[in-house]
Amino acid sequence: MFLFGGTIVDAPDAMLPMERCVRGGWLLTIGMIPIIIANILGYGYIQFVNKKNRLLIFIPSIICIILVACFWVKEII
């Protein structure tokens, strides 16, 4: 929703009307915390032979952090 949500307001009569891209950015920001926790727990729980492969677990968190940073930079500017 954040990347391709557009500027459509789903409920214009709501108390806080939001565009789809803004709503998607907020949901992404809220969802970033559980995905980071899950990646840290997975990093500690899963045993890999190669230490380099173990860092691949953090790819979803890194992508999420980048998208959240893009959202907040876009909102500030």
C-alpha atoms as a PDB file:
ATOM      1  CA  MET A   1       0.000   0.000   0.000  1.00  0.00           C
ATOM      2  CA  PHE A   2       2.885   2.357   0.699  1.00  0.00           C
ATOM      3  CA  LEU A   3       4.548   1.930  -2.684  1.00  0.00           C
ATOM      4  CA  PHE A   4       1.511   1.785  -4.972  1.00  0.00           C
ATOM      5  CA  GLY A   5      -1.338   3.106  -2.796  1.00  0.00           C
ATOM      6  CA  GLY A   6      -1.815   6.367  -4.587  1.00  0.00           C
ATOM      7  CA  THR A   7      -3.598   9.425  -3.285  1.00  0.00           C
ATOM      8  CA  ILE A   8      -7.057   7.904  -2.888  1.00  0.00           C
ATOM      9  CA  VAL A   9      -8.771   8.702   0.421  1.00  0.00           C
ATOM     10  CA  ASP A  10     -10.904   5.694   1.368  1.00  0.00           C
ATOM     11  CA  ALA A  11     -13.009   7.381   4.070  1.00  0.00           C
ATOM     12  CA  PRO A  12     -13.078  11.156   3.496  1.00  0.00           C
ATOM     13  CA  ASP A  13     -15.632  11.657   6.296  1.00  0.00           C
ATOM     14  CA  ALA A  14     -13.471   9.925   8.911  1.00  0.00           C
ATOM     15  CA  MET A  15     -12.021  11.818  11.850  1.00  0.00           C
ATOM     16  CA  LEU A  16      -8.497  11.396  10.437  1.00  0.00           C
ATOM     17  CA  PRO A  17      -8.794  10.881   6.681  1.00  0.00           C
ATOM     18  CA  MET A  18      -5.622   9.365   5.223  1.00  0.00           C
ATOM     19  CA  GLU A  19      -4.429   8.613   1.758  1.00  0.00           C
ATOM     20  CA  ARG A  20      -3.638   4.979   1.056  1.00  0.00           C
ATOM     21  CA  CYS A  21       0.105   5.571   0.816  1.00  0.00           C
ATOM     22  CA  VAL A  22       0.175   7.328   4.209  1.00  0.00           C
ATOM     23  CA  ARG A  23      -1.895   4.578   5.827  1.00  0.00           C
ATOM     24  CA  GLY A  24       0.439   1.980   4.335  1.00  0.00           C
ATOM     25  CA  GLY A  25       3.465   3.840   5.694  1.00  0.00           C
ATOM     26  CA  TRP A  26       2.002   3.909   9.186  1.00  0.00           C
ATOM     27  CA  LEU A  27       1.183   0.206   9.052  1.00  0.00           C
ATOM     28  CA  LEU A  28       4.710  -0.499   7.821  1.00  0.00           C
ATOM     29  CA  THR A  29       6.158   1.546  10.683  1.00  0.00           C
ATOM     30  CA  ILE A  30       4.086  -0.324  13.266  1.00  0.00           C
ATOM     31  CA  GLY A  31       4.911  -3.704  11.709  1.00  0.00           C
ATOM     32  CA  MET A  32       8.641  -3.007  11.691  1.00  0.00           C
ATOM     33  CA  ILE A  33       8.990  -3.746  15.411  1.00  0.00           C
ATOM     34  CA  PRO A  34       7.675  -7.363  15.320  1.00  0.00           C
ATOM     35  CA  ILE A  35       9.695  -8.239  12.213  1.00  0.00           C
ATOM     36  CA  ILE A  36      12.917  -7.006  13.824  1.00  0.00           C
ATOM     37  CA  ILE A  37      12.149  -9.014  16.966  1.00  0.00           C
ATOM     38  CA  ALA A  38      11.415 -12.122  14.873  1.00  0.00           C
ATOM     39  CA  ASN A  39      14.653 -11.712  12.925  1.00  0.00           C
ATOM     40  CA  ILE A  40      16.726 -11.332  16.095  1.00  0.00           C
ATOM     41  CA  LEU A  41      15.114 -14.425  17.641  1.00  0.00           C
ATOM     42  CA  GLY A  42      15.638 -16.365  14.406  1.00  0.00           C
ATOM     43  CA  TYR A  43      19.270 -15.270  14.312  1.00  0.00           C
ATOM     44  CA  GLY A  44      19.819 -16.659  17.790  1.00  0.00           C
ATOM     45  CA  TYR A  45      17.795 -19.836  17.288  1.00  0.00           C
ATOM     46  CA  ILE A  46      18.798 -21.111  13.844  1.00  0.00           C
ATOM     47  CA  GLN A  47      22.256 -22.637  13.639  1.00  0.00           C
ATOM     48  CA  PHE A  48      24.040 -22.277  10.299  1.00  0.00           C
ATOM     49  CA  VAL A  49      27.366 -23.788   9.411  1.00  0.00           C
ATOM     50  CA  ASN A  50      28.479 -20.610   7.647  1.00  0.00           C
ATOM     51  CA  LYS A  51      28.277 -17.347   9.620  1.00  0.00           C
ATOM     52  CA  LYS A  52      27.766 -15.328   6.419  1.00  0.00           C
ATOM     53  CA  ASN A  53      24.538 -17.199   5.660  1.00  0.00           C
ATOM     54  CA  ARG A  54      23.298 -16.427   9.135  1.00  0.00           C
ATOM     55  CA  LEU A  55      23.139 -12.713   8.309  1.00  0.00           C
ATOM     56  CA  LEU A  56      20.700 -13.417   5.455  1.00  0.00           C
ATOM     57  CA  ILE A  57      17.969 -13.676   8.087  1.00  0.00           C
ATOM     58  CA  PHE A  58      18.066  -9.872   8.449  1.00  0.00           C
ATOM     59  CA  ILE A  59      17.163  -9.141   4.802  1.00  0.00           C
ATOM     60  CA  PRO A  60      13.412  -8.612   5.545  1.00  0.00           C
ATOM     61  CA  SER A  61      14.247  -6.271   8.430  1.00  0.00           C
ATOM     62  CA  ILE A  62      16.654  -4.264   6.319  1.00  0.00           C
ATOM     63  CA  ILE A  63      14.081  -3.894   3.531  1.00  0.00           C
ATOM     64  CA  CYS A  64      11.434  -2.849   6.065  1.00  0.00           C
ATOM     65  CA  ILE A  65      13.752  -0.289   7.681  1.00  0.00           C
ATOM     66  CA  ILE A  66      14.605   1.189   4.267  1.00  0.00           C
ATOM     67  CA  LEU A  67      10.924   1.516   3.327  1.00  0.00           C
ATOM     68  CA  VAL A  68      10.043   3.091   6.680  1.00  0.00           C
ATOM     69  CA  ALA A  69      12.922   5.551   6.311  1.00  0.00           C
ATOM     70  CA  CYS A  70      11.684   6.457   2.812  1.00  0.00           C
ATOM     71  CA  PHE A  71       8.184   7.003   4.199  1.00  0.00           C
ATOM     72  CA  TRP A  72       9.322   9.305   6.989  1.00  0.00           C
ATOM     73  CA  VAL A  73      11.692  11.269   4.758  1.00  0.00           C
ATOM     74  CA  LYS A  74       8.832  11.725   2.288  1.00  0.00           C
ATOM     75  CA  GLU A  75       6.490  12.877   5.073  1.00  0.00           C
ATOM     76  CA  ILE A  76       8.997  15.388   6.442  1.00  0.00           C
ATOM     77  CA  ILE A  77       9.759  16.940   3.051  1.00  0.00           C
END
